[in-house]
N, C-alpha and C. Protein backbone atom coordinates (compact mmCIF):
# COMPACT_ATOMS: atom_id res chain seq x y z
N UNK A 1 11.83 -4.02 8.06
CA UNK A 1 11.09 -2.79 8.04
C UNK A 1 10.47 -2.64 9.35
N UNK A 2 11.02 -3.05 10.41
CA UNK A 2 10.49 -2.86 11.75
C UNK A 2 11.56 -2.06 12.79
N UNK A 3 12.56 -1.40 12.20
CA UNK A 3 13.41 -0.57 12.88
C UNK A 3 13.21 0.88 12.61
N UNK A 4 13.76 1.78 13.19
CA UNK A 4 13.74 3.14 12.95
C UNK A 4 14.56 3.34 11.70
N UNK A 5 14.13 4.19 10.62
CA UNK A 5 14.82 4.30 9.39
C UNK A 5 14.75 5.78 9.11
N UNK A 6 15.84 6.39 8.75
CA UNK A 6 15.82 7.85 8.43
C UNK A 6 16.25 7.75 6.81
N UNK A 7 15.39 8.14 5.93
CA UNK A 7 15.70 8.25 4.62
C UNK A 7 15.96 9.62 4.20
N UNK A 8 17.05 9.92 3.62
CA UNK A 8 17.31 11.38 3.20
C UNK A 8 17.60 11.42 1.66
N UNK A 9 18.03 10.43 1.05
CA UNK A 9 18.40 10.51 -0.25
C UNK A 9 17.17 10.17 -1.23
N UNK A 10 16.94 10.80 -2.23
CA UNK A 10 15.70 10.41 -3.10
C UNK A 10 15.80 9.14 -3.58
N UNK A 11 16.93 8.57 -3.98
CA UNK A 11 16.93 7.19 -4.43
C UNK A 11 16.59 6.15 -3.37
N UNK A 12 17.02 6.54 -2.19
CA UNK A 12 16.56 5.55 -0.94
C UNK A 12 15.04 5.61 -0.69
N UNK A 13 14.55 6.92 -0.90
CA UNK A 13 13.11 7.00 -0.65
C UNK A 13 12.33 6.29 -1.80
N UNK A 14 12.80 6.38 -2.99
CA UNK A 14 12.19 5.68 -4.06
C UNK A 14 12.19 4.18 -3.93
N UNK A 15 13.37 3.65 -3.50
CA UNK A 15 13.36 2.11 -3.27
C UNK A 15 12.38 1.80 -2.11
N UNK A 16 12.40 2.43 -0.95
CA UNK A 16 11.54 2.13 0.13
C UNK A 16 10.10 2.24 -0.38
N UNK A 17 9.77 3.25 -1.22
CA UNK A 17 8.38 3.43 -1.50
C UNK A 17 7.97 2.36 -2.70
N UNK A 18 8.89 1.93 -3.45
CA UNK A 18 8.62 0.75 -4.28
C UNK A 18 8.32 -0.37 -3.58
N UNK A 19 9.14 -0.79 -2.56
CA UNK A 19 9.00 -1.92 -1.71
C UNK A 19 7.64 -1.85 -0.89
N UNK A 20 7.33 -0.73 -0.42
CA UNK A 20 6.09 -0.59 0.34
C UNK A 20 4.99 -0.81 -0.65
N UNK A 21 4.84 -0.23 -1.70
CA UNK A 21 3.84 -0.41 -2.69
C UNK A 21 3.68 -1.82 -3.24
N UNK A 22 4.74 -2.56 -3.37
CA UNK A 22 4.77 -4.00 -3.70
C UNK A 22 3.94 -4.71 -2.61
N UNK A 23 4.41 -4.48 -1.39
CA UNK A 23 3.86 -5.14 -0.30
C UNK A 23 2.28 -4.92 -0.25
N UNK A 24 1.86 -3.56 -0.35
CA UNK A 24 0.55 -3.31 -0.52
C UNK A 24 -0.24 -3.98 -1.47
N UNK A 25 0.30 -4.15 -2.72
CA UNK A 25 -0.33 -4.74 -3.80
C UNK A 25 -0.60 -6.30 -3.64
N UNK A 26 0.45 -6.87 -3.00
CA UNK A 26 0.19 -8.21 -2.62
C UNK A 26 -0.58 -8.60 -1.38
N UNK A 27 -0.75 -7.75 -0.42
CA UNK A 27 -1.47 -7.97 0.72
C UNK A 27 -2.89 -8.22 0.45
N UNK A 28 -3.42 -9.20 1.41
CA UNK A 28 -4.82 -9.46 1.39
C UNK A 28 -5.57 -8.30 2.04
N UNK A 29 -6.77 -8.15 1.62
CA UNK A 29 -7.57 -7.00 2.20
C UNK A 29 -8.06 -7.54 3.67
N UNK A 30 -8.78 -6.71 4.53
CA UNK A 30 -9.01 -7.11 5.94
C UNK A 30 -9.85 -8.27 5.97
N UNK A 31 -10.80 -8.42 5.14
CA UNK A 31 -11.90 -9.64 5.13
C UNK A 31 -11.10 -10.97 4.90
N UNK A 32 -10.18 -10.83 3.84
CA UNK A 32 -9.49 -12.09 3.25
C UNK A 32 -8.40 -12.36 4.40
N UNK A 33 -7.87 -11.37 4.95
CA UNK A 33 -6.91 -11.63 6.09
C UNK A 33 -7.65 -12.45 7.36
N UNK A 34 -8.77 -11.93 7.66
CA UNK A 34 -9.50 -12.51 8.72
C UNK A 34 -9.86 -14.10 8.39
N UNK A 35 -10.24 -14.34 7.18
CA UNK A 35 -10.77 -15.46 6.63
C UNK A 35 -9.38 -16.39 6.78
N UNK A 36 -8.34 -16.05 6.36
CA UNK A 36 -7.07 -16.81 6.27
C UNK A 36 -6.66 -17.32 7.71
N UNK A 37 -6.66 -16.23 8.69
CA UNK A 37 -6.35 -16.42 10.01
C UNK A 37 -7.35 -17.45 10.61
N UNK A 38 -8.48 -17.29 10.37
CA UNK A 38 -9.61 -18.19 10.95
C UNK A 38 -9.28 -19.72 10.33
N UNK A 39 -8.98 -19.81 9.00
CA UNK A 39 -8.75 -20.99 8.38
C UNK A 39 -7.66 -21.83 9.09
N UNK A 40 -6.47 -21.05 9.13
CA UNK A 40 -5.27 -21.64 9.65
C UNK A 40 -5.46 -22.08 11.21
N UNK A 41 -6.21 -21.14 11.98
CA UNK A 41 -6.49 -21.57 13.35
C UNK A 41 -7.36 -22.84 13.43
N UNK A 42 -8.31 -22.93 12.58
CA UNK A 42 -9.24 -24.17 12.57
C UNK A 42 -8.37 -25.47 12.31
N UNK A 43 -7.37 -25.25 11.30
CA UNK A 43 -6.73 -26.45 10.83
C UNK A 43 -5.63 -26.83 12.15
N UNK A 44 -5.13 -25.67 12.76
CA UNK A 44 -3.98 -25.92 13.70
C UNK A 44 -4.66 -26.46 15.08
N UNK A 45 -5.89 -26.22 15.37
CA UNK A 45 -6.50 -26.45 16.61
C UNK A 45 -7.46 -27.61 16.55
N UNK A 46 -7.36 -28.34 15.51
CA UNK A 46 -8.36 -29.59 15.28
C UNK A 46 -8.19 -30.47 16.58
């Protein structure tokens, strides 16, 4: 999902929207993301 993409067909739009909604529902919120990044950095740079 990092390239230019032109969606013209309804079924293509629906699949893309479903995928994006799934990613959103699984994503951490901003605070949790920051905690995860900090925790990983602490472990990595011990």
